Amino acid sequence: MKCSEFLQELTNYLDGALDDRTKSELEDHLAWCHNCYVVCDTTKKTIEIYRDSELYELPDDLRTRLRSAIMSKCQQRKKTQESL
């Protein structure tokens, strides 16, 4: 299995949605490929942190400023892409 093939199957692997053969190939790849192991481990830990976290309600003024900053950045990117 190549790294690109591993990355295509990562979500299915983490979801437990692979057939036994593909799962075995993926785990064999993880055993020798440090980069893919790090990607898999980091993704798995990120998902666990996200699932275990509590929702934090943002103050209204912070939510408004954050939304404005995100929208401004999106508009800048859109203009940049349109000019290319």
PDB file of N, CA and C in Angstrom:
ATOM      1  N   MET A   1       0.852  -1.178   0.000  1.00  0.00           N
ATOM      2  CA  MET A   1       0.000   0.000   0.000  1.00  0.00           C
ATOM      3  C   MET A   1       0.896   1.239   0.000  1.00  0.00           C
ATOM      4  N   LYS A   2       0.544   2.195  -0.842  1.00  0.00           N
ATOM      5  CA  LYS A   2       1.257   3.467  -0.905  1.00  0.00           C
ATOM      6  C   LYS A   2       0.642   4.440   0.094  1.00  0.00           C
ATOM      7  N   CYS A   3       1.407   5.462   0.440  1.00  0.00           N
ATOM      8  CA  CYS A   3       0.918   6.477   1.382  1.00  0.00           C
ATOM      9  C   CYS A   3      -0.368   7.132   0.870  1.00  0.00           C
ATOM     10  N   SER A   4      -0.442   7.405  -0.414  1.00  0.00           N
ATOM     11  CA  SER A   4      -1.641   8.026  -0.972  1.00  0.00           C
ATOM     12  C   SER A   4      -2.863   7.121  -0.815  1.00  0.00           C
ATOM     13  N   GLU A   5      -2.667   5.820  -0.956  1.00  0.00           N
ATOM     14  CA  GLU A   5      -3.767   4.871  -0.766  1.00  0.00           C
ATOM     15  C   GLU A   5      -4.179   4.822   0.706  1.00  0.00           C
ATOM     16  N   PHE A   6      -3.169   4.881   1.579  1.00  0.00           N
ATOM     17  CA  PHE A   6      -3.456   4.915   3.012  1.00  0.00           C
ATOM     18  C   PHE A   6      -4.341   6.113   3.352  1.00  0.00           C
ATOM     19  N   LEU A   7      -3.950   7.290   2.853  1.00  0.00           N
ATOM     20  CA  LEU A   7      -4.704   8.505   3.157  1.00  0.00           C
ATOM     21  C   LEU A   7      -6.137   8.442   2.637  1.00  0.00           C
ATOM     22  N   GLN A   8      -6.329   7.778   1.502  1.00  0.00           N
ATOM     23  CA  GLN A   8      -7.684   7.639   0.958  1.00  0.00           C
ATOM     24  C   GLN A   8      -8.561   6.768   1.854  1.00  0.00           C
ATOM     25  N   GLU A   9      -7.944   5.847   2.580  1.00  0.00           N
ATOM     26  CA  GLU A   9      -8.702   4.913   3.417  1.00  0.00           C
ATOM     27  C   GLU A   9      -8.712   5.300   4.901  1.00  0.00           C
ATOM     28  N   LEU A  10      -8.023   6.361   5.271  1.00  0.00           N
ATOM     29  CA  LEU A  10      -7.885   6.708   6.682  1.00  0.00           C
ATOM     30  C   LEU A  10      -9.230   6.884   7.378  1.00  0.00           C
ATOM     31  N   THR A  11     -10.135   7.621   6.777  1.00  0.00           N
ATOM     32  CA  THR A  11     -11.445   7.833   7.398  1.00  0.00           C
ATOM     33  C   THR A  11     -12.178   6.522   7.601  1.00  0.00           C
ATOM     34  N   ASN A  12     -12.160   5.666   6.587  1.00  0.00           N
ATOM     35  CA  ASN A  12     -12.822   4.368   6.714  1.00  0.00           C
ATOM     36  C   ASN A  12     -12.176   3.527   7.803  1.00  0.00           C
ATOM     37  N   TYR A  13     -10.854   3.604   7.908  1.00  0.00           N
ATOM     38  CA  TYR A  13     -10.136   2.867   8.951  1.00  0.00           C
ATOM     39  C   TYR A  13     -10.558   3.344  10.334  1.00  0.00           C
ATOM     40  N   LEU A  14     -10.552   4.650  10.532  1.00  0.00           N
ATOM     41  CA  LEU A  14     -10.926   5.193  11.836  1.00  0.00           C
ATOM     42  C   LEU A  14     -12.388   4.936  12.172  1.00  0.00           C
ATOM     43  N   ASP A  15     -13.223   4.840  11.149  1.00  0.00           N
ATOM     44  CA  ASP A  15     -14.645   4.550  11.360  1.00  0.00           C
ATOM     45  C   ASP A  15     -14.923   3.054  11.512  1.00  0.00           C
ATOM     46  N   GLY A  16     -13.898   2.217  11.309  1.00  0.00           N
ATOM     47  CA  GLY A  16     -14.090   0.769  11.383  1.00  0.00           C
ATOM     48  C   GLY A  16     -14.892   0.228  10.220  1.00  0.00           C
ATOM     49  N   ALA A  17     -14.761   0.874   9.057  1.00  0.00           N
ATOM     50  CA  ALA A  17     -15.583   0.521   7.898  1.00  0.00           C
ATOM     51  C   ALA A  17     -14.774  -0.129   6.779  1.00  0.00           C
ATOM     52  N   LEU A  18     -13.712  -0.847   7.121  1.00  0.00           N
ATOM     53  CA  LEU A  18     -12.901  -1.515   6.098  1.00  0.00           C
ATOM     54  C   LEU A  18     -13.112  -3.019   6.135  1.00  0.00           C
ATOM     55  N   ASP A  19     -12.995  -3.638   4.984  1.00  0.00           N
ATOM     56  CA  ASP A  19     -13.009  -5.096   4.966  1.00  0.00           C
ATOM     57  C   ASP A  19     -11.698  -5.578   5.600  1.00  0.00           C
ATOM     58  N   ASP A  20     -11.657  -6.843   6.006  1.00  0.00           N
ATOM     59  CA  ASP A  20     -10.503  -7.380   6.730  1.00  0.00           C
ATOM     60  C   ASP A  20      -9.201  -7.275   5.939  1.00  0.00           C
ATOM     61  N   ARG A  21      -9.255  -7.525   4.649  1.00  0.00           N
ATOM     62  CA  ARG A  21      -8.047  -7.489   3.808  1.00  0.00           C
ATOM     63  C   ARG A  21      -7.457  -6.084   3.744  1.00  0.00           C
ATOM     64  N   THR A  22      -8.312  -5.093   3.494  1.00  0.00           N
ATOM     65  CA  THR A  22      -7.841  -3.713   3.404  1.00  0.00           C
ATOM     66  C   THR A  22      -7.338  -3.224   4.761  1.00  0.00           C
ATOM     67  N   LYS A  23      -8.027  -3.593   5.813  1.00  0.00           N
ATOM     68  CA  LYS A  23      -7.599  -3.214   7.158  1.00  0.00           C
ATOM     69  C   LYS A  23      -6.223  -3.794   7.461  1.00  0.00           C
ATOM     70  N   SER A  24      -6.011  -5.030   7.099  1.00  0.00           N
ATOM     71  CA  SER A  24      -4.716  -5.681   7.316  1.00  0.00           C
ATOM     72  C   SER A  24      -3.613  -4.991   6.525  1.00  0.00           C
ATOM     73  N   GLU A  25      -3.883  -4.652   5.271  1.00  0.00           N
ATOM     74  CA  GLU A  25      -2.902  -3.945   4.439  1.00  0.00           C
ATOM     75  C   GLU A  25      -2.573  -2.584   5.039  1.00  0.00           C
ATOM     76  N   LEU A  26      -3.578  -1.903   5.507  1.00  0.00           N
ATOM     77  CA  LEU A  26      -3.373  -0.588   6.094  1.00  0.00           C
ATOM     78  C   LEU A  26      -2.539  -0.698   7.370  1.00  0.00           C
ATOM     79  N   GLU A  27      -2.832  -1.663   8.214  1.00  0.00           N
ATOM     80  CA  GLU A  27      -2.079  -1.840   9.449  1.00  0.00           C
ATOM     81  C   GLU A  27      -0.644  -2.281   9.175  1.00  0.00           C
ATOM     82  N   ASP A  28      -0.440  -3.076   8.129  1.00  0.00           N
ATOM     83  CA  ASP A  28       0.928  -3.428   7.726  1.00  0.00           C
ATOM     84  C   ASP A  28       1.688  -2.171   7.306  1.00  0.00           C
ATOM     85  N   HIS A  29       1.020  -1.300   6.576  1.00  0.00           N
ATOM     86  CA  HIS A  29       1.641  -0.045   6.137  1.00  0.00           C
ATOM     87  C   HIS A  29       2.004   0.814   7.350  1.00  0.00           C
ATOM     88  N   LEU A  30       1.090   0.902   8.312  1.00  0.00           N
ATOM     89  CA  LEU A  30       1.348   1.702   9.506  1.00  0.00           C
ATOM     90  C   LEU A  30       2.530   1.167  10.313  1.00  0.00           C
ATOM     91  N   ALA A  31       2.769  -0.127  10.228  1.00  0.00           N
ATOM     92  CA  ALA A  31       3.853  -0.740  10.994  1.00  0.00           C
ATOM     93  C   ALA A  31       5.229  -0.273  10.532  1.00  0.00           C
ATOM     94  N   TRP A  32       5.363   0.096   9.262  1.00  0.00           N
ATOM     95  CA  TRP A  32       6.688   0.505   8.766  1.00  0.00           C
ATOM     96  C   TRP A  32       6.772   1.960   8.319  1.00  0.00           C
ATOM     97  N   CYS A  33       5.633   2.619   8.104  1.00  0.00           N
ATOM     98  CA  CYS A  33       5.653   3.998   7.610  1.00  0.00           C
ATOM     99  C   CYS A  33       5.396   4.973   8.765  1.00  0.00           C
ATOM    100  N   HIS A  34       6.459   5.581   9.229  1.00  0.00           N
ATOM    101  CA  HIS A  34       6.352   6.490  10.370  1.00  0.00           C
ATOM    102  C   HIS A  34       5.447   7.684  10.066  1.00  0.00           C
ATOM    103  N   ASN A  35       5.555   8.266   8.882  1.00  0.00           N
ATOM    104  CA  ASN A  35       4.746   9.438   8.536  1.00  0.00           C
ATOM    105  C   ASN A  35       3.256   9.135   8.583  1.00  0.00           C
ATOM    106  N   CYS A  36       2.851   8.022   8.009  1.00  0.00           N
ATOM    107  CA  CYS A  36       1.431   7.663   8.024  1.00  0.00           C
ATOM    108  C   CYS A  36       0.975   7.302   9.437  1.00  0.00           C
ATOM    109  N   TYR A  37       1.869   6.683  10.207  1.00  0.00           N
ATOM    110  CA  TYR A  37       1.541   6.372  11.597  1.00  0.00           C
ATOM    111  C   TYR A  37       1.243   7.669  12.363  1.00  0.00           C
ATOM    112  N   VAL A  38       2.092   8.681  12.177  1.00  0.00           N
ATOM    113  CA  VAL A  38       1.899   9.961  12.858  1.00  0.00           C
ATOM    114  C   VAL A  38       0.585  10.602  12.431  1.00  0.00           C
ATOM    115  N   VAL A  39       0.292  10.583  11.132  1.00  0.00           N
ATOM    116  CA  VAL A  39      -0.971  11.158  10.640  1.00  0.00           C
ATOM    117  C   VAL A  39      -2.163  10.428  11.264  1.00  0.00           C
ATOM    118  N   CYS A  40      -2.110   9.115  11.273  1.00  0.00           N
ATOM    119  CA  CYS A  40      -3.210   8.322  11.820  1.00  0.00           C
ATOM    120  C   CYS A  40      -3.379   8.577  13.316  1.00  0.00           C
ATOM    121  N   ASP A  41      -2.277   8.532  14.046  1.00  0.00           N
ATOM    122  CA  ASP A  41      -2.319   8.721  15.492  1.00  0.00           C
ATOM    123  C   ASP A  41      -2.811  10.125  15.854  1.00  0.00           C
ATOM    124  N   THR A  42      -2.324  11.124  15.162  1.00  0.00           N
ATOM    125  CA  THR A  42      -2.728  12.502  15.422  1.00  0.00           C
ATOM    126  C   THR A  42      -4.206  12.711  15.112  1.00  0.00           C
ATOM    127  N   THR A  43      -4.649  12.156  13.993  1.00  0.00           N
ATOM    128  CA  THR A  43      -6.063  12.276  13.620  1.00  0.00           C
ATOM    129  C   THR A  43      -6.949  11.588  14.651  1.00  0.00           C
ATOM    130  N   LYS A  44      -6.550  10.404  15.061  1.00  0.00           N
ATOM    131  CA  LYS A  44      -7.317   9.654  16.061  1.00  0.00           C
ATOM    132  C   LYS A  44      -7.396  10.437  17.377  1.00  0.00           C
ATOM    133  N   LYS A  45      -6.281  10.993  17.823  1.00  0.00           N
ATOM    134  CA  LYS A  45      -6.263  11.758  19.072  1.00  0.00           C
ATOM    135  C   LYS A  45      -7.087  13.035  18.958  1.00  0.00           C
ATOM    136  N   THR A  46      -7.031  13.680  17.802  1.00  0.00           N
ATOM    137  CA  THR A  46      -7.822  14.893  17.583  1.00  0.00           C
ATOM    138  C   THR A  46      -9.310  14.586  17.683  1.00  0.00           C
ATOM    139  N   ILE A  47      -9.720  13.489  17.086  1.00  0.00           N
ATOM    140  CA  ILE A  47     -11.131  13.074  17.149  1.00  0.00           C
ATOM    141  C   ILE A  47     -11.531  12.790  18.590  1.00  0.00           C
ATOM    142  N   GLU A  48     -10.674  12.103  19.337  1.00  0.00           N
ATOM    143  CA  GLU A  48     -10.969  11.788  20.740  1.00  0.00           C
ATOM    144  C   GLU A  48     -11.098  13.060  21.572  1.00  0.00           C
ATOM    145  N   ILE A  49     -10.190  14.012  21.360  1.00  0.00           N
ATOM    146  CA  ILE A  49     -10.251  15.278  22.103  1.00  0.00           C
ATOM    147  C   ILE A  49     -11.545  16.007  21.771  1.00  0.00           C
ATOM    148  N   TYR A  50     -11.887  16.036  20.497  1.00  0.00           N
ATOM    149  CA  TYR A  50     -13.105  16.721  20.065  1.00  0.00           C
ATOM    150  C   TYR A  50     -14.343  16.072  20.682  1.00  0.00           C
ATOM    151  N   ARG A  51     -14.391  14.754  20.674  1.00  0.00           N
ATOM    152  CA  ARG A  51     -15.564  14.049  21.213  1.00  0.00           C
ATOM    153  C   ARG A  51     -15.690  14.222  22.717  1.00  0.00           C
ATOM    154  N   ASP A  52     -14.557  14.317  23.408  1.00  0.00           N
ATOM    155  CA  ASP A  52     -14.571  14.417  24.862  1.00  0.00           C
ATOM    156  C   ASP A  52     -14.731  15.844  25.373  1.00  0.00           C
ATOM    157  N   SER A  53     -14.643  16.823  24.483  1.00  0.00           N
ATOM    158  CA  SER A  53     -14.674  18.211  24.930  1.00  0.00           C
ATOM    159  C   SER A  53     -16.100  18.683  25.173  1.00  0.00           C
ATOM    160  N   GLU A  54     -16.173  19.652  26.047  1.00  0.00           N
ATOM    161  CA  GLU A  54     -17.462  20.277  26.333  1.00  0.00           C
ATOM    162  C   GLU A  54     -17.621  21.490  25.423  1.00  0.00           C
ATOM    163  N   LEU A  55     -18.851  21.794  25.107  1.00  0.00           N
ATOM    164  CA  LEU A  55     -19.114  22.988  24.318  1.00  0.00           C
ATOM    165  C   LEU A  55     -18.872  24.214  25.179  1.00  0.00           C
ATOM    166  N   TYR A  56     -18.268  25.203  24.580  1.00  0.00           N
ATOM    167  CA  TYR A  56     -18.005  26.458  25.277  1.00  0.00           C
ATOM    168  C   TYR A  56     -18.750  27.553  24.539  1.00  0.00           C
ATOM    169  N   GLU A  57     -19.613  28.213  25.245  1.00  0.00           N
ATOM    170  CA  GLU A  57     -20.405  29.281  24.647  1.00  0.00           C
ATOM    171  C   GLU A  57     -19.571  30.561  24.595  1.00  0.00           C
ATOM    172  N   LEU A  58     -19.389  31.078  23.388  1.00  0.00           N
ATOM    173  CA  LEU A  58     -18.615  32.302  23.217  1.00  0.00           C
ATOM    174  C   LEU A  58     -19.464  33.516  23.582  1.00  0.00           C
ATOM    175  N   PRO A  59     -18.847  34.504  24.202  1.00  0.00           N
ATOM    176  CA  PRO A  59     -19.581  35.756  24.445  1.00  0.00           C
ATOM    177  C   PRO A  59     -20.008  36.370  23.106  1.00  0.00           C
ATOM    178  N   ASP A  60     -21.138  37.059  23.112  1.00  0.00           N
ATOM    179  CA  ASP A  60     -21.695  37.605  21.874  1.00  0.00           C
ATOM    180  C   ASP A  60     -20.713  38.492  21.112  1.00  0.00           C
ATOM    181  N   ASP A  61     -19.984  39.367  21.817  1.00  0.00           N
ATOM    182  CA  ASP A  61     -19.067  40.270  21.120  1.00  0.00           C
ATOM    183  C   ASP A  61     -17.916  39.499  20.472  1.00  0.00           C
ATOM    184  N   LEU A  62     -17.432  38.465  21.139  1.00  0.00           N
ATOM    185  CA  LEU A  62     -16.355  37.649  20.570  1.00  0.00           C
ATOM    186  C   LEU A  62     -16.861  36.865  19.360  1.00  0.00           C
ATOM    187  N   ARG A  63     -18.058  36.314  19.465  1.00  0.00           N
ATOM    188  CA  ARG A  63     -18.646  35.573  18.353  1.00  0.00           C
ATOM    189  C   ARG A  63     -18.802  36.478  17.129  1.00  0.00           C
ATOM    190  N   THR A  64     -19.250  37.709  17.344  1.00  0.00           N
ATOM    191  CA  THR A  64     -19.435  38.661  16.257  1.00  0.00           C
ATOM    192  C   THR A  64     -18.098  39.013  15.605  1.00  0.00           C
ATOM    193  N   ARG A  65     -17.078  39.301  16.415  1.00  0.00           N
ATOM    194  CA  ARG A  65     -15.759  39.638  15.874  1.00  0.00           C
ATOM    195  C   ARG A  65     -15.143  38.460  15.130  1.00  0.00           C
ATOM    196  N   LEU A  66     -15.301  37.262  15.670  1.00  0.00           N
ATOM    197  CA  LEU A  66     -14.758  36.064  15.025  1.00  0.00           C
ATOM    198  C   LEU A  66     -15.440  35.818  13.687  1.00  0.00           C
ATOM    199  N   ARG A  67     -16.750  35.941  13.665  1.00  0.00           N
ATOM    200  CA  ARG A  67     -17.487  35.740  12.411  1.00  0.00           C
ATOM    201  C   ARG A  67     -17.064  36.775  11.371  1.00  0.00           C
ATOM    202  N   SER A  68     -16.916  38.013  11.783  1.00  0.00           N
ATOM    203  CA  SER A  68     -16.492  39.070  10.856  1.00  0.00           C
ATOM    204  C   SER A  68     -15.108  38.797  10.296  1.00  0.00           C
ATOM    205  N   ALA A  69     -14.197  38.344  11.159  1.00  0.00           N
ATOM    206  CA  ALA A  69     -12.833  38.048  10.711  1.00  0.00           C
ATOM    207  C   ALA A  69     -12.829  36.888   9.721  1.00  0.00           C
ATOM    208  N   ILE A  70     -13.616  35.866   9.993  1.00  0.00           N
ATOM    209  CA  ILE A  70     -13.693  34.706   9.084  1.00  0.00           C
ATOM    210  C   ILE A  70     -14.291  35.120   7.744  1.00  0.00           C
ATOM    211  N   MET A  71     -15.367  35.884   7.778  1.00  0.00           N
ATOM    212  CA  MET A  71     -16.006  36.321   6.537  1.00  0.00           C
ATOM    213  C   MET A  71     -15.065  37.203   5.729  1.00  0.00           C
ATOM    214  N   SER A  72     -14.327  38.082   6.385  1.00  0.00           N
ATOM    215  CA  SER A  72     -13.375  38.947   5.696  1.00  0.00           C
ATOM    216  C   SER A  72     -12.289  38.123   5.015  1.00  0.00           C
ATOM    217  N   LYS A  73     -11.768  37.123   5.725  1.00  0.00           N
ATOM    218  CA  LYS A  73     -10.731  36.259   5.164  1.00  0.00           C
ATOM    219  C   LYS A  73     -11.276  35.473   3.966  1.00  0.00           C
ATOM    220  N   CYS A  74     -12.494  34.981   4.069  1.00  0.00           N
ATOM    221  CA  CYS A  74     -13.103  34.240   2.955  1.00  0.00           C
ATOM    222  C   CYS A  74     -13.275  35.135   1.726  1.00  0.00           C
ATOM    223  N   GLN A  75     -13.692  36.364   1.948  1.00  0.00           N
ATOM    224  CA  GLN A  75     -13.862  37.289   0.836  1.00  0.00           C
ATOM    225  C   GLN A  75     -12.523  37.617   0.190  1.00  0.00           C
ATOM    226  N   GLN A  76     -11.471  37.773   0.994  1.00  0.00           N
ATOM    227  CA  GLN A  76     -10.136  38.030   0.452  1.00  0.00           C
ATOM    228  C   GLN A  76      -9.662  36.860  -0.404  1.00  0.00           C
ATOM    229  N   ARG A  77      -9.878  35.651   0.077  1.00  0.00           N
ATOM    230  CA  ARG A  77      -9.477  34.463  -0.690  1.00  0.00           C
ATOM    231  C   ARG A  77     -10.240  34.360  -1.994  1.00  0.00           C
ATOM    232  N   LYS A  78     -11.528  34.650  -1.927  1.00  0.00           N
ATOM    233  CA  LYS A  78     -12.353  34.590  -3.128  1.00  0.00           C
ATOM    234  C   LYS A  78     -11.851  35.583  -4.170  1.00  0.00           C
ATOM    235  N   LYS A  79     -11.539  36.813  -3.744  1.00  0.00           N
ATOM    236  CA  LYS A  79     -11.019  37.811  -4.674  1.00  0.00           C
ATOM    237  C   LYS A  79      -9.681  37.382  -5.258  1.00  0.00           C
ATOM    238  N   THR A  80      -8.834  36.793  -4.424  1.00  0.00           N
ATOM    239  CA  THR A  80      -7.527  36.321  -4.890  1.00  0.00           C
ATOM    240  C   THR A  80      -7.707  35.227  -5.931  1.00  0.00           C
ATOM    241  N   GLN A  81      -8.605  34.283  -5.682  1.00  0.00           N
ATOM    242  CA  GLN A  81      -8.842  33.176  -6.624  1.00  0.00           C
ATOM    243  C   GLN A  81      -9.455  33.684  -7.921  1.00  0.00           C
ATOM    244  N   GLU A  82     -10.321  34.659  -7.834  1.00  0.00           N
ATOM    245  CA  GLU A  82     -10.949  35.204  -9.042  1.00  0.00           C
ATOM    246  C   GLU A  82      -9.958  35.950  -9.912  1.00  0.00           C
ATOM    247  N   SER A  83      -8.919  36.522  -9.286  1.00  0.00           N
ATOM    248  CA  SER A  83      -7.932  37.281 -10.057  1.00  0.00           C
ATOM    249  C   SER A  83      -6.896  36.367 -10.719  1.00  0.00           C
ATOM    250  N   LEU A  84      -6.875  35.104 -10.331  1.00  0.00           N
ATOM    251  CA  LEU A  84      -5.904  34.173 -10.932  1.00  0.00           C
ATOM    252  C   LEU A  84      -6.340  33.689 -12.260  1.00  0.00           C
TER     253      LEU A  84
END
